[in-house]
Amino acid sequence: MRLTVKIRKATDGRLDLQVVEMPELEVAVRKFKEIPSAVIEAAASLTGRSQDDFEVEVGY
């Protein structure tokens, strides 16, 4: 499943993310490079699916 991630807010070294396909999913990271793995881990935890089932595309 492809997940589209957008940075909702960036303040004080924290990036709050919005996942378009899963609006109930809340993810925050400190570094841009952490986005894909953090979103995949959170999506797998929320859905009970394998992390391998997800792909992340970061939009701006």
Protein backbone atom coordinates (compact mmCIF):
# COMPACT_ATOMS: atom_id res chain seq x y z
CA MET A 1 0.00 0.00 0.00
CA ARG A 2 1.40 3.36 -1.00
CA LEU A 3 1.16 6.06 1.67
CA THR A 4 1.47 9.73 0.82
CA VAL A 5 3.00 11.74 3.65
CA LYS A 6 2.93 15.50 4.01
CA ILE A 7 4.65 17.62 6.61
CA ARG A 8 1.79 19.24 8.50
CA LYS A 9 3.93 21.38 10.80
CA ALA A 10 7.64 21.88 11.44
CA THR A 11 8.57 23.56 14.71
CA ASP A 12 11.38 23.30 17.25
CA GLY A 13 13.17 20.50 15.42
CA ARG A 14 10.04 18.37 15.16
CA LEU A 15 8.16 17.41 11.99
CA ASP A 16 4.49 16.56 12.48
CA LEU A 17 3.30 14.40 9.62
CA GLN A 18 -0.04 13.79 7.94
CA VAL A 19 -0.68 10.53 6.09
CA VAL A 20 -3.23 11.25 3.36
CA GLU A 21 -4.59 7.69 3.12
CA MET A 22 -4.75 7.21 6.90
CA PRO A 23 -5.81 10.50 8.52
CA GLU A 24 -6.08 8.84 11.94
CA LEU A 25 -2.35 8.03 11.87
CA GLU A 26 -0.26 10.52 13.83
CA VAL A 27 3.50 10.48 13.33
CA ALA A 28 6.23 12.91 14.39
CA VAL A 29 9.96 12.73 13.66
CA ARG A 30 13.01 14.89 14.29
CA LYS A 31 14.85 14.28 11.01
CA PHE A 32 13.59 14.19 7.45
CA LYS A 33 15.37 10.88 6.77
CA GLU A 34 13.33 9.22 9.56
CA ILE A 35 10.00 9.84 7.81
CA PRO A 36 9.68 6.63 5.74
CA SER A 37 10.61 4.20 8.50
CA ALA A 38 8.53 6.00 11.16
CA VAL A 39 5.43 6.08 8.95
CA ILE A 40 5.80 2.44 7.90
CA GLU A 41 6.24 1.32 11.50
CA ALA A 42 3.21 3.31 12.67
CA ALA A 43 1.02 2.13 9.78
CA ALA A 44 1.94 -1.51 10.39
CA SER A 45 1.20 -1.13 14.10
CA LEU A 46 -2.17 0.52 13.45
CA THR A 47 -3.33 -1.97 10.81
CA GLY A 48 -1.67 -5.19 11.96
CA ARG A 49 -0.17 -5.62 8.49
CA SER A 50 3.46 -6.35 7.71
CA GLN A 51 5.83 -3.40 7.29
CA ASP A 52 6.66 -4.84 3.87
CA ASP A 53 3.10 -4.02 2.76
CA PHE A 54 3.78 -0.27 2.81
CA GLU A 55 5.63 2.21 0.62
CA VAL A 56 6.01 5.88 1.51
CA GLU A 57 6.00 8.87 -0.80
CA VAL A 58 6.80 12.21 0.82
CA GLY A 59 4.93 15.15 -0.68
CA TYR A 60 5.60 18.82 -0.11
